[in-house]
N, C-alpha and C. Protein backbone atom coordinates (compact mmCIF):
# COMPACT_ATOMS: atom_id res chain seq x y z
N MET A 1 26.91 -80.41 97.09
CA MET A 1 26.20 -80.88 96.11
C MET A 1 24.93 -80.12 96.04
N ALA A 2 24.27 -79.63 97.14
CA ALA A 2 23.04 -78.83 97.17
C ALA A 2 23.36 -77.53 96.46
N HIS A 3 24.54 -76.96 96.71
CA HIS A 3 24.87 -75.66 96.19
C HIS A 3 24.87 -75.79 94.65
N ARG A 4 25.42 -76.99 94.08
CA ARG A 4 25.38 -77.18 92.53
C ARG A 4 24.06 -77.29 91.91
N THR A 5 23.02 -77.76 92.83
CA THR A 5 21.83 -77.99 92.27
C THR A 5 21.04 -76.64 92.14
N ILE A 6 21.32 -75.78 93.31
CA ILE A 6 20.62 -74.50 93.24
C ILE A 6 21.12 -73.54 92.28
N LEU A 7 22.68 -73.52 92.08
CA LEU A 7 23.26 -72.93 91.12
C LEU A 7 23.00 -73.16 89.64
N ALA A 8 22.70 -74.38 89.36
CA ALA A 8 22.25 -75.02 88.21
C ALA A 8 20.71 -74.42 87.87
N SER A 9 19.88 -74.60 89.06
CA SER A 9 18.42 -74.34 88.65
C SER A 9 18.25 -72.75 88.62
N LEU A 10 19.21 -72.02 89.15
CA LEU A 10 19.27 -70.57 88.92
C LEU A 10 19.74 -70.06 87.72
N ALA A 11 20.63 -70.85 87.00
CA ALA A 11 21.22 -70.46 85.83
C ALA A 11 20.18 -70.72 84.67
N LEU A 12 19.48 -71.78 84.87
CA LEU A 12 18.28 -72.44 84.04
C LEU A 12 17.43 -71.22 83.96
N ALA A 13 17.00 -70.89 85.31
CA ALA A 13 15.92 -69.90 85.27
C ALA A 13 16.30 -68.45 84.59
N CYS A 14 17.60 -68.26 84.68
CA CYS A 14 18.02 -66.93 83.89
C CYS A 14 18.02 -67.07 82.53
N LEU A 15 18.46 -68.15 82.06
CA LEU A 15 18.29 -68.50 80.65
C LEU A 15 16.91 -68.56 79.94
N THR A 16 16.04 -69.09 80.82
CA THR A 16 14.56 -69.04 80.22
C THR A 16 13.75 -67.74 80.43
N ALA A 17 14.20 -67.07 81.26
CA ALA A 17 13.72 -65.59 81.33
C ALA A 17 13.69 -64.77 80.17
N GLY A 18 14.76 -64.93 79.42
CA GLY A 18 14.66 -64.31 78.11
C GLY A 18 13.63 -64.88 77.09
N CYS A 19 13.29 -66.04 77.10
CA CYS A 19 12.28 -66.62 76.48
C CYS A 19 10.78 -66.07 76.87
N ILE A 20 10.75 -65.72 78.09
CA ILE A 20 9.50 -65.41 78.56
C ILE A 20 9.14 -63.97 78.32
N SER A 21 10.09 -63.14 78.50
CA SER A 21 9.77 -61.71 78.37
C SER A 21 9.73 -61.32 76.78
N PRO A 22 8.70 -60.75 76.21
CA PRO A 22 8.54 -60.26 74.89
C PRO A 22 9.65 -59.28 74.29
N MET A 23 9.99 -59.43 73.11
CA MET A 23 10.84 -58.55 72.44
C MET A 23 9.70 -57.67 71.55
N GLN A 24 9.94 -56.32 71.68
CA GLN A 24 9.26 -55.49 70.87
C GLN A 24 9.99 -55.01 69.73
N GLU A 25 9.04 -54.77 68.55
CA GLU A 25 9.56 -54.33 67.24
C GLU A 25 8.73 -53.24 66.91
N TYR A 26 9.35 -52.10 66.68
CA TYR A 26 8.55 -50.88 66.07
C TYR A 26 8.79 -50.75 64.66
N HIS A 27 7.62 -50.52 63.86
CA HIS A 27 7.49 -50.52 62.53
C HIS A 27 6.86 -49.14 61.94
N GLY A 28 7.22 -48.55 60.95
CA GLY A 28 6.43 -47.36 60.42
C GLY A 28 6.99 -46.12 60.95
N TYR A 29 5.79 -45.35 61.16
CA TYR A 29 6.20 -43.94 61.80
C TYR A 29 6.46 -43.75 62.99
N ALA A 30 7.59 -43.21 63.52
CA ALA A 30 7.83 -43.06 64.91
C ALA A 30 7.85 -41.46 65.25
N PRO A 31 6.84 -40.82 66.01
CA PRO A 31 6.62 -39.71 66.29
C PRO A 31 7.99 -39.10 67.04
N ASP A 32 8.61 -38.03 66.83
CA ASP A 32 9.70 -37.39 67.44
C ASP A 32 9.36 -36.49 68.44
N GLU A 33 8.74 -35.30 68.07
CA GLU A 33 8.44 -34.16 68.94
C GLU A 33 7.00 -33.97 68.92
N VAL A 34 6.29 -34.10 67.70
CA VAL A 34 5.09 -33.77 67.50
C VAL A 34 4.15 -35.23 67.34
N ALA A 35 3.15 -35.47 67.79
CA ALA A 35 2.29 -36.58 67.41
C ALA A 35 1.39 -36.15 66.31
N PRO A 36 1.14 -37.16 65.41
CA PRO A 36 0.23 -36.90 64.30
C PRO A 36 -1.26 -36.45 64.82
N ASN A 37 -1.59 -36.80 66.02
CA ASN A 37 -2.89 -36.47 66.66
C ASN A 37 -2.97 -34.98 66.99
N GLN A 38 -1.81 -34.24 67.14
CA GLN A 38 -1.56 -32.95 67.73
C GLN A 38 -1.77 -31.88 66.50
N ILE A 39 -1.86 -32.47 65.43
CA ILE A 39 -2.07 -31.38 64.28
C ILE A 39 -3.49 -30.76 64.44
N THR A 40 -3.67 -29.49 64.32
CA THR A 40 -4.83 -28.77 64.41
C THR A 40 -5.64 -28.61 63.13
N PRO A 41 -6.98 -28.93 62.96
CA PRO A 41 -7.48 -28.80 61.73
C PRO A 41 -7.97 -27.32 61.67
N GLY A 42 -7.81 -26.85 60.44
CA GLY A 42 -8.23 -25.29 60.16
C GLY A 42 -7.06 -24.43 60.59
N ILE A 43 -5.93 -24.83 61.37
CA ILE A 43 -4.73 -23.90 61.33
C ILE A 43 -3.68 -24.47 60.67
N ASP A 44 -3.34 -25.65 60.79
CA ASP A 44 -2.16 -26.29 60.02
C ASP A 44 -2.24 -26.62 58.52
N THR A 45 -1.36 -26.37 57.79
CA THR A 45 -1.21 -26.47 56.20
C THR A 45 -0.57 -27.76 55.99
N ARG A 46 -0.48 -28.10 54.71
CA ARG A 46 0.20 -29.39 54.25
C ARG A 46 1.52 -29.06 54.45
N SER A 47 2.21 -27.77 54.34
CA SER A 47 3.67 -27.55 54.55
C SER A 47 4.01 -27.62 56.04
N SER A 48 3.11 -27.09 56.92
CA SER A 48 3.41 -27.19 58.34
C SER A 48 3.36 -28.63 58.84
N VAL A 49 2.59 -29.35 58.31
CA VAL A 49 2.38 -30.87 58.61
C VAL A 49 3.48 -31.42 58.18
N LEU A 50 4.04 -31.29 56.79
CA LEU A 50 5.30 -31.85 56.16
C LEU A 50 6.48 -31.55 57.17
N ALA A 51 6.53 -30.16 57.76
CA ALA A 51 7.69 -29.63 58.48
C ALA A 51 7.74 -30.32 59.78
N GLN A 52 6.64 -30.49 60.49
CA GLN A 52 6.41 -31.15 61.96
C GLN A 52 6.48 -32.62 61.91
N LEU A 53 6.01 -33.26 61.05
CA LEU A 53 5.75 -34.82 61.00
C LEU A 53 6.76 -35.49 59.99
N GLY A 54 7.01 -34.72 58.95
CA GLY A 54 7.80 -35.44 57.88
C GLY A 54 7.03 -35.95 56.72
N SER A 55 7.61 -36.83 56.02
CA SER A 55 6.72 -37.57 55.08
C SER A 55 5.85 -38.47 55.43
N PRO A 56 4.67 -38.59 54.95
CA PRO A 56 3.68 -39.60 55.37
C PRO A 56 4.13 -41.01 55.08
N SER A 57 3.60 -41.89 55.85
CA SER A 57 3.76 -43.47 55.43
C SER A 57 3.24 -43.76 54.28
N THR A 58 1.96 -43.21 53.76
CA THR A 58 1.46 -43.55 52.56
C THR A 58 0.30 -42.52 52.14
N ARG A 59 0.06 -42.35 50.91
CA ARG A 59 -1.08 -41.43 50.79
C ARG A 59 -2.28 -42.19 50.29
N SER A 60 -3.40 -41.55 50.25
CA SER A 60 -4.53 -42.26 49.80
C SER A 60 -4.57 -42.48 48.48
N ILE A 61 -5.12 -43.70 48.15
CA ILE A 61 -5.17 -44.37 46.80
C ILE A 61 -6.07 -43.43 45.79
N PHE A 62 -7.13 -42.91 46.57
CA PHE A 62 -8.32 -42.36 45.80
C PHE A 62 -8.10 -40.86 45.62
N ASP A 63 -7.56 -40.26 46.64
CA ASP A 63 -7.12 -38.89 46.33
C ASP A 63 -6.01 -38.43 47.02
N ASP A 64 -5.25 -37.52 46.45
CA ASP A 64 -3.93 -37.05 46.93
C ASP A 64 -3.87 -36.22 48.40
N ASN A 65 -5.39 -35.85 48.61
CA ASN A 65 -5.31 -34.91 49.77
C ASN A 65 -5.42 -35.53 50.99
N THR A 66 -5.23 -36.92 51.23
CA THR A 66 -5.16 -37.60 52.54
C THR A 66 -3.84 -38.23 52.60
N TRP A 67 -3.16 -37.83 53.90
CA TRP A 67 -2.06 -38.46 54.26
C TRP A 67 -2.22 -39.44 55.43
N MET A 68 -1.44 -40.41 55.37
CA MET A 68 -1.54 -41.38 56.47
C MET A 68 -0.23 -41.52 57.23
N TYR A 69 -0.11 -41.63 58.34
CA TYR A 69 1.07 -41.96 59.36
C TYR A 69 0.79 -43.16 60.05
N ILE A 70 1.45 -44.25 59.81
CA ILE A 70 1.11 -45.59 60.35
C ILE A 70 2.27 -46.13 61.29
N THR A 71 1.77 -46.35 62.39
CA THR A 71 2.73 -46.77 63.60
C THR A 71 2.27 -48.35 63.95
N THR A 72 3.12 -49.37 63.90
CA THR A 72 2.88 -50.68 64.40
C THR A 72 3.95 -51.23 65.50
N ILE A 73 3.48 -51.69 66.59
CA ILE A 73 4.37 -52.11 67.46
C ILE A 73 4.04 -53.68 67.64
N GLN A 74 5.07 -54.69 67.39
CA GLN A 74 4.70 -56.02 67.62
C GLN A 74 5.64 -56.65 68.65
N GLU A 75 5.02 -57.70 69.27
CA GLU A 75 5.71 -58.29 70.39
C GLU A 75 5.96 -59.78 69.96
N ARG A 76 6.89 -60.31 70.10
CA ARG A 76 7.48 -61.66 69.87
C ARG A 76 7.88 -62.43 71.22
N PHE A 77 7.34 -63.49 71.36
CA PHE A 77 7.79 -64.50 72.23
C PHE A 77 8.55 -65.52 71.94
N ALA A 78 9.95 -65.62 72.36
CA ALA A 78 10.79 -66.50 71.78
C ALA A 78 10.77 -66.72 70.44
N PHE A 79 10.41 -67.83 69.87
CA PHE A 79 10.45 -68.47 68.54
C PHE A 79 9.07 -68.20 67.69
N TYR A 80 7.93 -67.76 68.46
CA TYR A 80 6.78 -67.74 67.94
C TYR A 80 6.51 -66.60 67.03
N ARG A 81 5.49 -66.46 66.27
CA ARG A 81 5.23 -65.53 65.17
C ARG A 81 4.93 -64.23 66.06
N PRO A 82 5.32 -63.07 65.61
CA PRO A 82 5.18 -61.82 66.26
C PRO A 82 3.62 -61.43 66.11
N ASP A 83 3.19 -60.97 67.37
CA ASP A 83 1.66 -60.44 67.34
C ASP A 83 1.51 -58.93 67.54
N ILE A 84 0.63 -58.25 66.84
CA ILE A 84 0.56 -56.95 66.78
C ILE A 84 -0.10 -56.42 68.25
N SER A 85 0.80 -55.73 68.85
CA SER A 85 0.15 -55.07 70.09
C SER A 85 -0.41 -53.88 69.97
N THR A 86 -0.19 -53.07 69.11
CA THR A 86 -0.45 -51.78 69.01
C THR A 86 -0.13 -51.32 67.35
N ARG A 87 -1.43 -50.93 66.79
CA ARG A 87 -1.27 -50.29 65.43
C ARG A 87 -2.13 -49.05 65.26
N THR A 88 -1.53 -48.10 65.13
CA THR A 88 -2.38 -46.64 64.92
C THR A 88 -2.08 -46.20 63.47
N VAL A 89 -3.22 -45.93 62.99
CA VAL A 89 -3.28 -44.95 61.72
C VAL A 89 -3.85 -43.70 61.93
N THR A 90 -3.04 -42.67 61.67
CA THR A 90 -3.58 -41.26 61.65
C THR A 90 -3.65 -40.66 60.25
N ALA A 91 -5.02 -40.49 59.80
CA ALA A 91 -5.12 -40.04 58.53
C ALA A 91 -5.49 -38.50 58.68
N ILE A 92 -4.75 -37.52 57.78
CA ILE A 92 -4.82 -36.22 57.82
C ILE A 92 -5.45 -35.67 56.54
N ARG A 93 -6.56 -35.30 56.55
CA ARG A 93 -7.19 -34.81 55.16
C ARG A 93 -7.11 -33.27 54.97
N PHE A 94 -6.72 -32.91 53.87
CA PHE A 94 -6.60 -31.64 53.44
C PHE A 94 -7.44 -31.20 52.67
N SER A 95 -7.92 -29.95 52.54
CA SER A 95 -8.85 -29.21 51.63
C SER A 95 -8.16 -28.87 50.40
N ASP A 96 -8.76 -28.40 49.29
CA ASP A 96 -8.30 -27.90 48.11
C ASP A 96 -7.22 -26.73 48.34
N GLU A 97 -7.40 -26.03 49.34
CA GLU A 97 -6.42 -24.92 49.76
C GLU A 97 -5.31 -25.24 50.52
N ASP A 98 -4.98 -26.55 50.62
CA ASP A 98 -3.96 -27.07 51.46
C ASP A 98 -4.05 -26.88 52.91
N VAL A 99 -5.31 -26.69 53.62
CA VAL A 99 -5.36 -26.36 54.90
C VAL A 99 -5.95 -27.88 55.46
N VAL A 100 -5.54 -28.28 56.71
CA VAL A 100 -5.93 -29.50 57.22
C VAL A 100 -7.62 -29.29 57.62
N GLU A 101 -8.31 -30.19 56.99
CA GLU A 101 -9.70 -30.33 57.28
C GLU A 101 -9.98 -31.17 58.53
N GLU A 102 -9.61 -32.42 58.66
CA GLU A 102 -9.80 -33.33 59.65
C GLU A 102 -8.62 -34.19 60.06
N VAL A 103 -8.44 -34.60 61.17
CA VAL A 103 -7.42 -35.55 61.69
C VAL A 103 -8.17 -36.83 62.26
N LEU A 104 -8.09 -37.90 61.46
CA LEU A 104 -8.89 -39.23 62.05
C LEU A 104 -7.87 -40.23 62.59
N GLU A 105 -8.09 -40.94 63.65
CA GLU A 105 -7.17 -41.84 64.30
C GLU A 105 -7.89 -43.19 64.34
N TYR A 106 -7.18 -44.30 63.92
CA TYR A 106 -7.61 -45.56 63.90
C TYR A 106 -6.74 -46.33 64.56
N ASP A 107 -7.36 -47.56 65.23
CA ASP A 107 -6.39 -48.45 65.74
C ASP A 107 -6.73 -49.94 65.19
N GLN A 108 -6.04 -50.86 65.87
CA GLN A 108 -6.30 -52.21 65.03
C GLN A 108 -7.53 -52.78 65.30
N ASN A 109 -8.38 -52.17 66.29
CA ASN A 109 -9.92 -52.62 66.25
C ASN A 109 -10.64 -52.11 65.25
N ASP A 110 -10.30 -51.09 64.58
CA ASP A 110 -11.04 -50.56 63.45
C ASP A 110 -10.68 -51.41 62.12
N GLY A 111 -9.72 -52.21 62.16
CA GLY A 111 -9.33 -52.83 60.72
C GLY A 111 -10.20 -54.02 60.57
N ARG A 112 -10.24 -54.40 59.42
CA ARG A 112 -11.07 -55.38 58.83
C ARG A 112 -10.13 -56.51 58.12
N VAL A 113 -10.48 -57.60 58.27
CA VAL A 113 -9.89 -58.85 57.44
C VAL A 113 -10.45 -58.99 56.11
N LEU A 114 -9.40 -58.96 55.16
CA LEU A 114 -9.92 -59.08 53.94
C LEU A 114 -9.83 -60.70 53.47
N ASN A 115 -10.66 -61.20 52.69
CA ASN A 115 -10.53 -62.46 52.12
C ASN A 115 -10.00 -62.27 50.61
N TYR A 116 -8.83 -62.93 50.33
CA TYR A 116 -8.29 -62.79 48.92
C TYR A 116 -8.74 -64.14 48.21
N ALA A 117 -8.90 -63.69 46.89
CA ALA A 117 -9.34 -64.79 45.98
C ALA A 117 -8.26 -65.77 45.86
N SER A 118 -8.36 -67.08 46.10
CA SER A 118 -7.17 -67.88 45.95
C SER A 118 -7.43 -68.68 44.52
N ARG A 119 -8.13 -68.28 43.72
CA ARG A 119 -8.16 -68.99 42.38
C ARG A 119 -6.75 -68.92 41.66
N GLU A 120 -6.54 -70.03 40.97
CA GLU A 120 -5.31 -70.39 40.18
C GLU A 120 -5.56 -70.54 38.72
N THR A 121 -4.86 -69.98 38.00
CA THR A 121 -4.99 -70.10 36.55
C THR A 121 -4.29 -71.56 36.18
N PRO A 122 -5.27 -72.20 35.48
CA PRO A 122 -4.89 -73.62 35.10
C PRO A 122 -3.91 -73.52 33.94
N THR A 123 -2.96 -74.56 33.99
CA THR A 123 -1.95 -74.56 32.85
C THR A 123 -2.07 -75.59 32.03
N ARG A 124 -1.73 -75.63 30.79
CA ARG A 124 -1.87 -76.46 29.94
C ARG A 124 -1.00 -77.64 30.16
N GLY A 125 -1.37 -78.98 29.67
CA GLY A 125 -0.48 -80.18 29.91
C GLY A 125 -0.89 -80.79 31.06
N ARG A 126 -0.34 -81.74 31.64
CA ARG A 126 -0.65 -82.61 32.74
C ARG A 126 0.54 -82.46 33.92
N GLU A 127 0.32 -82.85 35.02
CA GLU A 127 1.39 -82.89 36.12
C GLU A 127 1.80 -84.26 36.04
N LEU A 128 3.24 -84.27 35.96
CA LEU A 128 3.82 -85.73 35.96
C LEU A 128 4.11 -86.14 37.68
N GLY A 129 3.85 -87.35 37.84
CA GLY A 129 3.84 -88.01 39.10
C GLY A 129 5.46 -88.10 39.52
N LEU A 130 5.52 -88.54 40.64
CA LEU A 130 6.99 -88.80 41.08
C LEU A 130 7.85 -89.72 40.21
N TRP A 131 7.06 -91.07 40.11
CA TRP A 131 7.95 -92.06 39.37
C TRP A 131 7.88 -91.85 37.85
N GLU A 132 6.85 -91.01 37.33
CA GLU A 132 7.09 -90.48 35.81
C GLU A 132 8.12 -89.44 35.54
N GLN A 133 8.45 -88.79 36.78
CA GLN A 133 9.78 -87.83 36.63
C GLN A 133 10.76 -88.59 36.80
N ILE A 134 10.88 -89.68 37.62
CA ILE A 134 12.15 -90.21 37.72
C ILE A 134 12.53 -91.09 36.46
N PHE A 135 11.37 -91.88 36.12
CA PHE A 135 11.48 -92.78 35.01
C PHE A 135 11.03 -92.42 33.62
N GLY A 136 11.04 -91.12 33.42
CA GLY A 136 10.32 -90.63 32.29
C GLY A 136 10.95 -90.76 31.01
N ASN A 137 12.41 -90.85 30.96
CA ASN A 137 13.22 -90.92 29.83
C ASN A 137 13.56 -92.47 29.61
N VAL A 138 13.15 -93.34 30.28
CA VAL A 138 13.54 -94.73 30.15
C VAL A 138 12.86 -95.38 28.96
N GLY A 139 13.53 -95.87 28.03
CA GLY A 139 12.87 -96.32 26.82
C GLY A 139 12.88 -95.37 25.64
N ARG A 140 13.00 -94.31 26.04
CA ARG A 140 13.02 -93.43 24.76
C ARG A 140 14.33 -93.43 23.80
N SER A 141 14.11 -93.48 22.68
CA SER A 141 14.97 -93.68 21.50
C SER A 141 16.12 -92.53 21.59
N VAL A 142 17.34 -92.88 21.47
CA VAL A 142 18.47 -91.89 21.25
C VAL A 142 18.64 -91.49 19.97
N LEU A 143 17.91 -92.09 18.97
CA LEU A 143 18.04 -91.71 17.62
C LEU A 143 17.36 -90.25 17.39
N PRO A 144 17.78 -89.66 16.51
CA PRO A 144 17.19 -88.34 16.17
C PRO A 144 16.00 -88.44 15.48
N PRO A 145 15.00 -87.49 15.59
CA PRO A 145 13.69 -87.66 15.10
C PRO A 145 13.93 -87.99 13.45
N THR A 146 12.77 -88.37 12.77
CA THR A 146 13.01 -88.64 11.32
C THR A 146 13.08 -87.41 10.50
N ASN A 147 12.56 -86.25 10.79
CA ASN A 147 12.61 -85.16 10.15
C ASN A 147 13.62 -84.16 10.26
N GLU A 148 14.87 -84.59 11.01
CA GLU A 148 15.84 -83.69 11.34
C GLU A 148 17.06 -84.37 10.53
N ALA A 149 17.86 -83.38 9.74
CA ALA A 149 18.94 -83.89 9.15
C ALA A 149 20.18 -83.83 10.01
N THR A 150 21.15 -84.98 9.65
CA THR A 150 22.31 -85.30 10.31
C THR A 150 23.49 -85.15 9.27
N PRO A 151 24.71 -84.94 9.82
CA PRO A 151 25.94 -84.66 8.98
C PRO A 151 25.77 -86.03 7.96
N GLY A 152 25.72 -87.17 8.55
CA GLY A 152 25.73 -88.20 7.39
C GLY A 152 24.49 -88.49 6.72
N ASN A 153 23.23 -87.85 7.17
CA ASN A 153 22.06 -87.95 6.32
C ASN A 153 21.38 -86.59 6.17
N PRO A 154 21.91 -85.85 4.99
CA PRO A 154 21.45 -84.61 4.75
C PRO A 154 19.85 -84.45 4.61
N THR A 155 19.21 -85.40 4.10
CA THR A 155 17.73 -85.41 3.82
C THR A 155 16.92 -85.66 5.00
N GLY A 156 17.48 -86.12 6.08
CA GLY A 156 16.66 -86.32 7.41
C GLY A 156 15.99 -87.90 7.15
N ARG A 157 15.96 -88.57 6.12
CA ARG A 157 15.19 -89.87 5.88
C ARG A 157 16.04 -90.90 6.48
N ARG A 158 15.30 -92.00 6.82
CA ARG A 158 16.07 -93.16 7.41
C ARG A 158 16.08 -94.23 6.18
N ASN A 159 17.10 -94.88 6.25
CA ASN A 159 17.15 -95.96 5.11
C ASN A 159 16.52 -97.06 5.60
């Protein structure tokens, strides 16, 4: 009997161990041979960066001379929402001659939380309550409106 209890508790411990250890998910740019921070300003060009790192994750909105390589690692415990454990943004800025001017690296501590405007556009009319939606058609006439013609009444007038 004691052996069964020990085996059952050991099996339970093995099953719950999967919930305790986090699962990691990788998103974005994954460096293969050369990391983005190994690019040398003044020596590398736009074509050499493209050959070494590949296409950027995104380009700057305001000017086309800044490329960004974004890497995010998330950890998830069991069924909880994933938490960002590591986020790295490497911005590579090019000169007008397509030579790397500077390489900037940011992490999740450099980010800022933005507040979105949660305003809603009002719609015309009114919202119906639950009972109005259920019983809204009770008592309405099944006769056609007076201005519509029917096969037996081509003028649309009631007699």
